[in-house]
N, C-alpha and C. Protein backbone atom coordinates (compact mmCIF):
# COMPACT_ATOMS: atom_id res chain seq x y z
N UNK A 1 -17.80 70.99 16.79
CA UNK A 1 -18.39 71.61 15.39
C UNK A 1 -17.22 72.11 14.79
N UNK A 2 -17.51 71.44 13.34
CA UNK A 2 -16.45 72.21 12.12
C UNK A 2 -17.10 73.47 11.25
N UNK A 3 -16.27 74.84 11.57
CA UNK A 3 -16.32 75.87 10.97
C UNK A 3 -15.87 76.30 9.78
N UNK A 4 -16.20 76.69 8.46
CA UNK A 4 -15.35 76.92 7.46
C UNK A 4 -16.13 78.55 6.79
N UNK A 5 -15.03 78.64 6.24
CA UNK A 5 -15.92 80.44 5.56
C UNK A 5 -16.24 79.99 4.93
N UNK A 6 -16.15 79.25 3.65
CA UNK A 6 -17.25 79.07 2.86
C UNK A 6 -17.78 77.81 2.76
N UNK A 7 -18.67 77.45 2.02
CA UNK A 7 -19.13 76.08 1.75
C UNK A 7 -17.74 75.63 0.52
N UNK A 8 -17.69 76.24 -0.45
CA UNK A 8 -16.49 75.77 -1.20
C UNK A 8 -15.48 75.46 -1.10
N UNK A 9 -14.75 75.85 0.22
CA UNK A 9 -13.78 75.37 0.80
C UNK A 9 -13.41 73.96 1.34
N UNK A 10 -14.64 73.58 1.26
CA UNK A 10 -14.67 71.82 1.95
C UNK A 10 -14.38 70.72 0.93
N UNK A 11 -15.12 70.98 -0.06
CA UNK A 11 -15.05 70.10 -0.69
C UNK A 11 -15.26 71.08 -2.16
N UNK A 12 -14.76 69.97 -3.58
CA UNK A 12 -15.07 70.26 -4.99
C UNK A 12 -16.45 69.74 -5.71
N UNK A 13 -17.21 68.88 -5.37
CA UNK A 13 -17.91 68.11 -5.61
C UNK A 13 -19.02 67.97 -4.74
N UNK A 14 -20.66 68.17 -5.31
CA UNK A 14 -21.02 67.93 -3.98
C UNK A 14 -21.44 66.50 -3.60
N UNK A 15 -21.15 65.22 -4.25
CA UNK A 15 -21.30 64.29 -3.52
C UNK A 15 -19.88 64.14 -2.59
N UNK A 16 -18.79 64.90 -2.49
CA UNK A 16 -17.90 65.25 -1.71
C UNK A 16 -18.62 65.58 -0.52
N UNK A 17 -19.19 66.67 -0.70
CA UNK A 17 -19.87 67.71 0.56
C UNK A 17 -20.44 66.88 1.16
N UNK A 18 -21.53 66.28 0.59
CA UNK A 18 -22.81 65.04 1.69
C UNK A 18 -22.35 64.22 2.27
N UNK A 19 -21.10 63.35 2.08
CA UNK A 19 -19.87 62.45 2.35
C UNK A 19 -19.18 63.43 3.51
N UNK A 20 -18.74 64.49 3.33
CA UNK A 20 -18.01 65.28 4.39
C UNK A 20 -19.04 65.30 5.63
N UNK A 21 -19.93 65.96 5.55
CA UNK A 21 -20.85 66.52 6.11
C UNK A 21 -21.27 65.32 6.83
N UNK A 22 -21.81 64.13 6.14
CA UNK A 22 -22.81 62.66 6.70
C UNK A 22 -21.14 62.37 7.72
N UNK A 23 -20.25 61.99 7.67
CA UNK A 23 -18.82 61.83 8.31
C UNK A 23 -19.16 62.45 9.24
N UNK A 24 -19.15 63.82 9.63
CA UNK A 24 -18.90 64.89 10.70
C UNK A 24 -20.38 64.38 11.62
N UNK A 25 -21.66 64.29 11.23
CA UNK A 25 -22.84 64.48 11.75
C UNK A 25 -22.52 63.02 12.64
N UNK A 26 -22.18 61.53 11.65
CA UNK A 26 -21.75 60.34 12.33
C UNK A 26 -21.09 60.36 13.73
N UNK A 27 -19.94 61.18 13.65
CA UNK A 27 -19.26 61.39 14.63
C UNK A 27 -19.91 62.35 15.78
N UNK A 28 -20.94 62.89 16.18
CA UNK A 28 -21.58 63.58 16.76
C UNK A 28 -21.17 65.31 16.60
N UNK A 29 -20.70 65.53 15.78
CA UNK A 29 -20.16 67.11 15.79
C UNK A 29 -21.35 67.45 14.23
N UNK A 30 -21.11 68.82 14.18
CA UNK A 30 -22.03 69.36 13.57
C UNK A 30 -21.29 70.65 12.06
N UNK A 31 -21.47 71.22 11.47
CA UNK A 31 -20.99 71.82 10.60
C UNK A 31 -21.40 73.01 9.99
N UNK A 32 -20.62 74.38 10.14
CA UNK A 32 -21.12 75.64 9.93
C UNK A 32 -20.31 76.16 9.17
N UNK A 33 -21.27 76.84 8.27
CA UNK A 33 -20.43 77.91 6.90
C UNK A 33 -20.56 79.22 7.63
N UNK A 34 -19.69 80.27 7.84
CA UNK A 34 -19.73 81.45 7.61
C UNK A 34 -20.48 82.37 7.02
N UNK A 35 -19.98 82.23 5.35
CA UNK A 35 -20.44 82.63 4.70
C UNK A 35 -21.86 82.69 4.17
N UNK A 36 -22.34 81.71 4.07
CA UNK A 36 -23.73 81.03 4.14
C UNK A 36 -24.73 80.63 5.15
N UNK A 37 -24.14 81.24 5.91
CA UNK A 37 -25.03 80.62 7.17
C UNK A 37 -25.55 79.46 7.25
N UNK A 38 -25.18 78.50 7.22
CA UNK A 38 -25.86 77.42 6.77
C UNK A 38 -24.98 76.11 8.37
N UNK A 39 -25.87 75.59 9.17
CA UNK A 39 -25.83 75.74 10.42
C UNK A 39 -26.69 73.87 9.96
N UNK A 40 -25.67 73.04 10.30
CA UNK A 40 -26.62 71.58 10.17
C UNK A 40 -26.60 70.77 10.69
N UNK A 41 -26.59 71.35 12.46
CA UNK A 41 -27.41 71.06 13.12
C UNK A 41 -29.01 71.21 13.47
N UNK A 42 -29.74 71.90 12.67
CA UNK A 42 -30.70 71.92 12.80
C UNK A 42 -30.94 71.25 10.87
N UNK A 43 -32.49 70.92 10.92
CA UNK A 43 -33.49 70.79 9.70
C UNK A 43 -33.20 71.66 8.64
N UNK A 44 -33.43 72.86 9.00
CA UNK A 44 -33.20 73.95 7.99
C UNK A 44 -31.63 74.29 7.18
N UNK A 45 -30.97 74.04 8.04
CA UNK A 45 -29.51 74.19 7.98
C UNK A 45 -28.71 73.02 7.10
N UNK A 46 -29.22 71.61 7.43
CA UNK A 46 -28.82 70.90 6.35
C UNK A 46 -29.94 70.93 5.16
N UNK A 47 -31.33 71.14 4.75
CA UNK A 47 -31.89 71.70 3.78
C UNK A 47 -30.89 72.48 3.00
N UNK A 48 -30.70 74.07 3.32
CA UNK A 48 -30.03 75.22 3.07
C UNK A 48 -28.67 74.29 2.34
N UNK A 49 -27.83 73.60 2.98
CA UNK A 49 -26.77 72.74 2.65
C UNK A 49 -26.74 72.23 1.27
N UNK A 50 -27.62 71.28 1.30
CA UNK A 50 -28.16 70.66 -0.19
C UNK A 50 -28.38 71.83 -0.84
N UNK A 51 -28.86 72.74 -1.07
CA UNK A 51 -29.21 73.22 -2.23
C UNK A 51 -27.87 74.28 -2.36
N UNK A 52 -27.25 75.06 -1.80
CA UNK A 52 -26.27 75.81 -2.09
C UNK A 52 -25.07 75.00 -2.50
N UNK A 53 -24.91 74.12 -2.24
CA UNK A 53 -24.37 72.73 -2.89
C UNK A 53 -24.05 72.75 -4.08
N UNK A 54 -25.26 72.17 -4.62
CA UNK A 54 -26.01 72.02 -5.74
C UNK A 54 -26.15 73.30 -6.57
N UNK A 55 -25.83 73.85 -6.20
CA UNK A 55 -26.31 75.36 -6.64
C UNK A 55 -24.39 75.88 -7.22
N UNK A 56 -23.73 75.41 -6.31
CA UNK A 56 -22.29 75.76 -6.06
C UNK A 56 -21.59 74.57 -7.51
N UNK A 57 -21.93 73.51 -7.42
CA UNK A 57 -21.82 73.11 -8.21
C UNK A 57 -22.41 73.06 -9.56
N UNK A 58 -23.20 73.57 -10.15
CA UNK A 58 -23.74 73.83 -11.27
C UNK A 58 -23.20 75.26 -11.53
N UNK A 59 -22.82 75.95 -10.93
CA UNK A 59 -21.92 77.30 -11.19
C UNK A 59 -20.73 76.92 -11.90
N UNK A 60 -20.45 75.66 -11.02
CA UNK A 60 -18.84 75.47 -11.96
C UNK A 60 -19.00 74.99 -13.06
N UNK A 61 -19.93 74.09 -12.90
CA UNK A 61 -20.17 73.43 -14.33
C UNK A 61 -20.04 74.42 -15.36
N UNK A 62 -21.02 75.11 -15.35
CA UNK A 62 -21.36 76.68 -16.12
C UNK A 62 -20.17 77.39 -16.78
N UNK A 63 -18.99 77.57 -15.63
CA UNK A 63 -17.88 78.31 -15.89
C UNK A 63 -17.13 77.21 -16.76
N UNK A 64 -16.92 76.15 -16.58
CA UNK A 64 -16.02 75.11 -17.40
C UNK A 64 -16.94 75.05 -18.51
N UNK A 65 -18.04 75.25 -18.96
CA UNK A 65 -18.46 75.56 -20.26
C UNK A 65 -18.59 76.48 -20.85
N UNK A 66 -18.17 77.87 -20.40
CA UNK A 66 -18.19 79.01 -21.42
C UNK A 66 -16.31 78.85 -21.49
N UNK A 67 -15.31 77.84 -20.69
CA UNK A 67 -14.30 78.51 -20.77
C UNK A 67 -14.79 77.18 -22.35
N UNK A 68 -14.69 76.06 -22.40
CA UNK A 68 -14.72 75.36 -23.59
C UNK A 68 -15.15 76.14 -24.92
N UNK A 69 -16.34 76.78 -24.81
CA UNK A 69 -16.59 77.93 -25.49
C UNK A 69 -15.71 78.39 -26.24
N UNK A 70 -15.27 79.16 -25.46
CA UNK A 70 -13.99 80.36 -25.66
C UNK A 70 -12.54 79.64 -26.53
N UNK A 71 -12.32 78.22 -25.84
CA UNK A 71 -11.81 77.52 -26.13
C UNK A 71 -11.87 77.30 -27.62
N UNK A 72 -12.63 76.96 -27.70
CA UNK A 72 -13.46 75.95 -29.73
C UNK A 72 -13.13 77.23 -30.31
N UNK A 73 -13.87 79.01 -29.51
CA UNK A 73 -13.87 79.97 -30.34
C UNK A 73 -12.08 80.38 -31.14
N UNK A 74 -11.75 80.58 -30.22
CA UNK A 74 -10.10 80.90 -30.15
C UNK A 74 -9.17 79.95 -31.24
N UNK A 75 -9.72 78.80 -31.29
CA UNK A 75 -8.85 77.52 -31.94
C UNK A 75 -9.51 77.93 -33.53
N UNK A 76 -11.22 77.91 -33.73
CA UNK A 76 -11.36 78.39 -34.87
C UNK A 76 -10.77 79.89 -35.43
N UNK A 77 -10.98 80.91 -34.69
CA UNK A 77 -9.83 82.16 -34.77
C UNK A 77 -8.78 82.09 -35.63
N UNK A 78 -7.73 81.33 -34.71
CA UNK A 78 -6.56 81.36 -34.88
C UNK A 78 -5.78 80.04 -35.28
N UNK A 79 -6.55 79.00 -34.87
CA UNK A 79 -5.82 77.59 -35.53
C UNK A 79 -4.98 77.16 -34.32
N UNK A 80 -5.02 78.27 -33.27
CA UNK A 80 -4.24 77.37 -31.87
C UNK A 80 -4.97 77.39 -30.47
N UNK A 81 -4.92 76.33 -29.63
CA UNK A 81 -5.60 76.93 -28.05
C UNK A 81 -5.52 78.36 -27.58
N UNK A 82 -6.37 78.85 -27.18
CA UNK A 82 -6.58 79.84 -26.81
C UNK A 82 -5.24 80.07 -25.59
N UNK A 83 -4.47 81.48 -25.71
CA UNK A 83 -3.07 81.70 -25.19
C UNK A 83 -3.94 82.32 -24.13
N UNK A 84 -3.26 82.23 -22.76
CA UNK A 84 -3.30 83.02 -21.72
C UNK A 84 -2.79 84.07 -21.12
N UNK A 85 -3.14 85.50 -21.33
CA UNK A 85 -4.53 85.72 -22.28
C UNK A 85 -4.35 86.05 -23.39
N UNK A 86 -5.83 86.05 -23.78
CA UNK A 86 -6.36 85.94 -25.37
C UNK A 86 -5.75 87.20 -25.91
N UNK A 87 -4.84 86.77 -27.57
CA UNK A 87 -4.11 87.89 -27.71
C UNK A 87 -4.93 89.25 -28.25
N UNK A 88 -6.35 88.84 -28.54
CA UNK A 88 -6.94 89.77 -29.23
C UNK A 88 -8.01 89.95 -27.73
N UNK A 89 -8.27 90.78 -27.22
CA UNK A 89 -9.09 91.12 -25.49
C UNK A 89 -10.13 91.20 -26.22
N UNK A 90 -10.74 91.79 -27.25
CA UNK A 90 -12.34 91.71 -27.17
C UNK A 90 -12.85 90.73 -28.47
N UNK A 91 -11.86 90.05 -29.18
CA UNK A 91 -12.37 89.03 -30.03
C UNK A 91 -12.98 87.84 -29.75
N UNK A 92 -13.23 86.92 -28.30
CA UNK A 92 -14.29 86.06 -28.23
C UNK A 92 -15.34 86.86 -27.63
N UNK A 93 -15.67 88.13 -26.95
CA UNK A 93 -16.82 88.64 -27.01
C UNK A 93 -17.87 89.10 -28.35
N UNK A 94 -16.61 89.04 -29.65
CA UNK A 94 -17.69 89.71 -30.90
C UNK A 94 -17.52 88.17 -31.56
N UNK A 95 -17.20 87.24 -31.25
CA UNK A 95 -17.57 85.76 -31.83
C UNK A 95 -19.27 85.44 -31.56
N UNK A 96 -20.13 85.20 -32.42
CA UNK A 96 -21.52 84.53 -32.34
C UNK A 96 -21.59 83.79 -31.22
N UNK A 97 -20.66 82.52 -31.13
CA UNK A 97 -20.38 81.33 -30.16
C UNK A 97 -19.99 81.84 -28.99
N UNK A 98 -19.35 82.51 -28.82
CA UNK A 98 -18.72 82.68 -27.39
C UNK A 98 -19.63 83.92 -26.73
């Protein structure tokens, strides 16, 4: 049995997670995530695994889209890529596109 603290510690994309879990299962072992209470030795655990993996991938995509929006907003406002940290901390929130 492979035990991890969080599901996102095992892989960075849903296809990769599914492949790793499938490989573990093919070798006769199970997978357990402590934070999400996922245990792939049961049918319900496998269902929860796939649902949580899809939600984690969706969340990463949303964060990437928000970062891209902030980058465009800063570039429009100052003509430069967004520095880290942004020189005008409330500016991005006041922009209608951010």
